[in-house]
């Protein structure tokens, strides 16, 4: 499932809730550490791919790269689960070199799949090296860092349901979206479940994503 909320403004969009934070808490030591940029990007793109695989409408990913926002359609292959980011710009879309490939790999040791951005291609390398990072000062004096990215879903039914709920009950509601449909829930009531889904970047999980040697990659395009 995925959490989807309305953005602010006069023309709200459906925003997919993703973990774009670089900070994470080491569950063994309790220390606040920082994830590698590529690891955090993969996490965001995996969530976007998951939503795209639900067939609930077009999913677009926006990244601020070298101070310029770039927008992509998110396509996930149903069989291989490879993800391809295709530029929304019609001219850029024609050139396959502008596509970003995220390959689904199998780790024989852990018996688990994991995604990697193909940074052998210039588009993938540019995303990792040029992604913007926003810095925020916390009340305790520490700093938090977030990737400049957002994921949007296009679905009129979900948007109408959220807007109707906001009009009738006010702010603080989100849609829980899955391949079978969606439900509107109070965000406060979902806080614990939401935290469980997004928290848990333990030392082991982070190291695994950063250090596993990719298997032979095969680029696909839908």
Protein backbone atom coordinates (compact mmCIF):
# COMPACT_ATOMS: atom_id res chain seq x y z
CA UNK A 1 0.00 0.00 0.00
CA UNK A 2 0.96 3.66 -0.36
CA UNK A 3 -0.01 6.88 1.40
CA UNK A 4 -1.27 9.71 -0.82
CA UNK A 5 -2.12 13.26 0.26
CA UNK A 6 -3.33 16.47 -1.38
CA UNK A 7 -0.74 19.16 -1.87
CA UNK A 8 -1.40 22.71 -0.71
CA UNK A 9 -2.46 25.51 -3.02
CA UNK A 10 -5.36 26.41 -5.28
CA UNK A 11 -4.70 23.53 -7.66
CA UNK A 12 -3.80 20.60 -5.36
CA UNK A 13 -2.09 17.50 -6.69
CA UNK A 14 -1.93 13.98 -5.33
CA UNK A 15 1.43 13.57 -3.60
CA UNK A 16 2.78 10.11 -2.80
CA UNK A 17 4.35 9.96 0.65
CA UNK A 18 7.99 8.88 0.34
CA UNK A 19 11.01 8.75 2.63
CA UNK A 20 13.34 11.32 1.08
CA UNK A 21 15.26 11.91 4.33
CA UNK A 22 18.99 11.33 4.40
CA UNK A 23 19.07 11.09 8.19
CA UNK A 24 18.37 7.71 9.78
CA UNK A 25 18.68 6.25 13.25
CA UNK A 26 21.08 3.37 13.72
CA UNK A 27 19.01 0.82 15.63
CA UNK A 28 22.11 -0.71 17.24
CA UNK A 29 23.79 2.44 18.54
CA UNK A 30 20.93 4.95 18.53
CA UNK A 31 23.12 7.38 16.60
CA UNK A 32 21.69 9.62 13.87
CA UNK A 33 23.58 8.94 10.67
CA UNK A 34 23.21 9.79 7.01
CA UNK A 35 22.28 7.46 4.21
CA UNK A 36 24.16 7.53 0.96
CA UNK A 37 22.40 9.67 -1.66
CA UNK A 38 22.03 6.74 -4.05
CA UNK A 39 20.41 4.65 -1.30
CA UNK A 40 17.88 7.39 -0.49
CA UNK A 41 17.11 7.94 -4.18
CA UNK A 42 16.49 4.23 -4.70
CA UNK A 43 14.08 4.24 -1.77
CA UNK A 44 12.07 7.11 -3.29
CA UNK A 45 12.06 5.54 -6.75
CA UNK A 46 11.07 2.12 -5.40
CA UNK A 47 8.01 3.67 -3.74
CA UNK A 48 7.12 5.45 -6.97
CA UNK A 49 7.53 2.19 -8.88
CA UNK A 50 5.34 0.37 -6.39
CA UNK A 51 2.54 2.88 -6.93
CA UNK A 52 2.99 2.72 -10.70
CA UNK A 53 2.59 -1.06 -10.46
CA UNK A 54 -0.82 -0.60 -8.81
CA UNK A 55 -2.25 0.70 -12.12
CA UNK A 56 -4.09 3.54 -10.41
CA UNK A 57 -3.00 6.22 -12.86
CA UNK A 58 0.12 7.90 -14.18
CA UNK A 59 2.92 8.34 -11.66
CA UNK A 60 5.45 11.13 -12.17
CA UNK A 61 8.69 11.76 -10.30
CA UNK A 62 10.29 15.19 -10.01
CA UNK A 63 13.92 15.73 -9.04
CA UNK A 64 15.83 18.96 -8.62
CA UNK A 65 19.06 18.23 -10.48
CA UNK A 66 21.76 20.87 -10.71
CA UNK A 67 19.21 23.50 -9.60
CA UNK A 68 16.73 22.56 -12.33
CA UNK A 69 13.57 20.51 -11.83
CA UNK A 70 13.31 17.48 -14.09
CA UNK A 71 10.11 15.45 -14.43
CA UNK A 72 9.75 11.79 -15.37
CA UNK A 73 7.02 9.26 -15.95
CA UNK A 74 7.58 6.20 -13.74
CA UNK A 75 7.27 2.84 -15.49
CA UNK A 76 7.70 -0.49 -13.73
CA UNK A 77 7.95 -3.77 -15.60
CA UNK A 78 5.45 -6.21 -14.11
CA UNK A 79 7.67 -9.26 -14.56
CA UNK A 80 11.20 -8.06 -13.80
CA UNK A 81 10.19 -5.12 -11.55
CA UNK A 82 12.86 -3.03 -13.27
CA UNK A 83 11.91 0.65 -13.18
CA UNK A 84 12.44 3.18 -15.96
CA UNK A 85 12.15 6.95 -15.52
CA UNK A 86 11.10 8.47 -18.84
CA UNK A 87 11.21 12.27 -19.31
CA UNK A 88 7.79 13.91 -19.49
CA UNK A 89 9.22 16.36 -22.03
CA UNK A 90 8.28 15.03 -25.47
CA UNK A 91 11.59 16.01 -27.08
CA UNK A 92 13.80 14.58 -24.32
CA UNK A 93 11.67 11.43 -24.24
CA UNK A 94 12.66 10.51 -27.80
CA UNK A 95 16.32 10.16 -26.81
CA UNK A 96 16.79 6.94 -24.86
CA UNK A 97 19.99 8.35 -23.34
CA UNK A 98 17.76 10.61 -21.24
CA UNK A 99 15.97 7.64 -19.65
CA UNK A 100 17.04 6.54 -16.18
CA UNK A 101 17.14 2.79 -15.52
CA UNK A 102 16.75 1.28 -12.06
CA UNK A 103 17.52 -2.42 -12.18
CA UNK A 104 16.09 -5.10 -9.92
CA UNK A 105 18.88 -7.41 -8.76
CA UNK A 106 19.02 -10.67 -6.82
CA UNK A 107 21.44 -11.19 -3.94
CA UNK A 108 22.23 -14.86 -3.60
CA UNK A 109 23.59 -14.50 -0.04
CA UNK A 110 20.57 -12.77 1.48
CA UNK A 111 18.04 -14.30 -0.94
CA UNK A 112 16.57 -10.85 -1.46
CA UNK A 113 15.95 -8.50 -4.37
CA UNK A 114 17.33 -4.98 -4.34
CA UNK A 115 17.30 -2.07 -6.81
CA UNK A 116 20.24 -0.07 -8.11
CA UNK A 117 20.35 3.02 -10.30
CA UNK A 118 22.35 2.28 -13.43
CA UNK A 119 25.01 4.97 -13.04
CA UNK A 120 26.96 3.59 -15.98
CA UNK A 121 24.51 5.57 -18.09
CA UNK A 122 25.00 9.34 -18.00
CA UNK A 123 21.39 10.11 -17.01
CA UNK A 124 21.58 7.91 -13.92
CA UNK A 125 24.99 9.25 -12.95
CA UNK A 126 23.78 12.85 -13.34
CA UNK A 127 20.79 12.18 -11.07
CA UNK A 128 22.95 10.79 -8.26
CA UNK A 129 25.64 13.45 -8.52
CA UNK A 130 23.36 16.45 -9.12
CA UNK A 131 20.31 15.82 -6.92
CA UNK A 132 19.46 18.79 -4.73
CA UNK A 133 19.50 18.51 -0.93
CA UNK A 134 17.52 20.75 1.43
CA UNK A 135 18.76 21.42 4.95
CA UNK A 136 16.49 22.08 7.96
CA UNK A 137 17.41 23.19 11.47
CA UNK A 138 15.74 21.17 14.23
CA UNK A 139 14.69 22.57 17.59
CA UNK A 140 17.42 20.64 19.37
CA UNK A 141 20.05 22.28 17.19
CA UNK A 142 20.64 19.28 14.96
CA UNK A 143 20.13 19.39 11.22
CA UNK A 144 18.00 17.25 8.93
CA UNK A 145 18.66 16.77 5.23
CA UNK A 146 16.16 15.83 2.53
CA UNK A 147 16.42 15.08 -1.18
CA UNK A 148 14.70 17.63 -3.42
CA UNK A 149 12.17 15.28 -4.94
CA UNK A 150 8.46 14.55 -5.02
CA UNK A 151 6.22 11.85 -6.46
CA UNK A 152 2.78 12.58 -7.90
CA UNK A 153 -0.14 10.33 -8.81
CA UNK A 154 -2.85 11.20 -11.32
CA UNK A 155 -6.21 9.75 -10.28
CA UNK A 156 -9.42 11.80 -10.41
CA UNK A 157 -11.38 9.46 -8.13
CA UNK A 158 -8.83 9.63 -5.31
CA UNK A 159 -8.44 13.38 -5.72
CA UNK A 160 -12.21 13.94 -5.62
CA UNK A 161 -12.56 11.75 -2.50
CA UNK A 162 -9.80 13.64 -0.67
CA UNK A 163 -11.16 17.04 -1.69
CA UNK A 164 -14.65 16.03 -0.59
CA UNK A 165 -13.34 14.81 2.77
CA UNK A 166 -11.37 18.02 3.25
CA UNK A 167 -14.47 20.11 2.52
CA UNK A 168 -16.63 18.08 4.92
CA UNK A 169 -14.15 17.33 7.72
CA UNK A 170 -11.15 19.61 7.26
CA UNK A 171 -7.46 18.86 6.84
CA UNK A 172 -5.58 15.85 8.13
CA UNK A 173 -6.77 13.06 5.84
CA UNK A 174 -4.94 10.83 3.40
CA UNK A 175 -5.69 8.03 0.98
CA UNK A 176 -4.32 4.54 1.52
CA UNK A 177 -3.89 3.22 -2.01
CA UNK A 178 -3.38 -0.38 -3.08
CA UNK A 179 -3.87 -2.43 -6.22
CA UNK A 180 -7.41 -3.29 -5.06
CA UNK A 181 -8.58 0.28 -4.42
CA UNK A 182 -8.23 3.06 -1.87
CA UNK A 183 -9.53 4.21 1.51
CA UNK A 184 -9.64 7.67 3.06
CA UNK A 185 -8.26 7.68 6.59
CA UNK A 186 -7.46 10.20 9.31
CA UNK A 187 -3.73 10.88 9.08
CA UNK A 188 -3.23 11.05 12.84
CA UNK A 189 -4.74 7.58 13.25
CA UNK A 190 -2.39 6.25 10.59
CA UNK A 191 0.74 7.82 12.09
CA UNK A 192 1.96 4.64 13.76
CA UNK A 193 1.41 2.50 10.67
CA UNK A 194 3.04 5.15 8.50
CA UNK A 195 6.07 5.27 10.79
CA UNK A 196 6.45 1.50 10.66
CA UNK A 197 6.47 1.60 6.87
CA UNK A 198 9.01 4.41 6.57
CA UNK A 199 11.16 3.87 9.65
CA UNK A 200 13.56 1.03 10.18
CA UNK A 201 16.54 1.96 8.09
CA UNK A 202 18.74 -0.11 10.39
CA UNK A 203 22.46 -0.33 10.01
CA UNK A 204 22.15 -3.73 8.37
CA UNK A 205 19.52 -2.60 5.86
CA UNK A 206 21.47 0.49 4.90
CA UNK A 207 24.77 -1.32 4.52
CA UNK A 208 23.13 -4.01 2.40
CA UNK A 209 21.74 -1.50 -0.07
CA UNK A 210 25.01 0.37 -0.32
CA UNK A 211 27.53 -2.45 -0.57
CA UNK A 212 25.96 -5.32 -2.46
CA UNK A 213 27.60 -5.93 -5.80
CA UNK A 214 24.97 -5.63 -8.54
CA UNK A 215 24.20 -8.64 -10.63
CA UNK A 216 24.46 -8.40 -14.38
CA UNK A 217 22.19 -5.53 -15.33
CA UNK A 218 19.75 -5.56 -18.15
CA UNK A 219 18.14 -2.28 -19.16
CA UNK A 220 14.51 -2.44 -20.20
CA UNK A 221 12.11 0.11 -21.60
CA UNK A 222 8.37 -0.03 -21.51
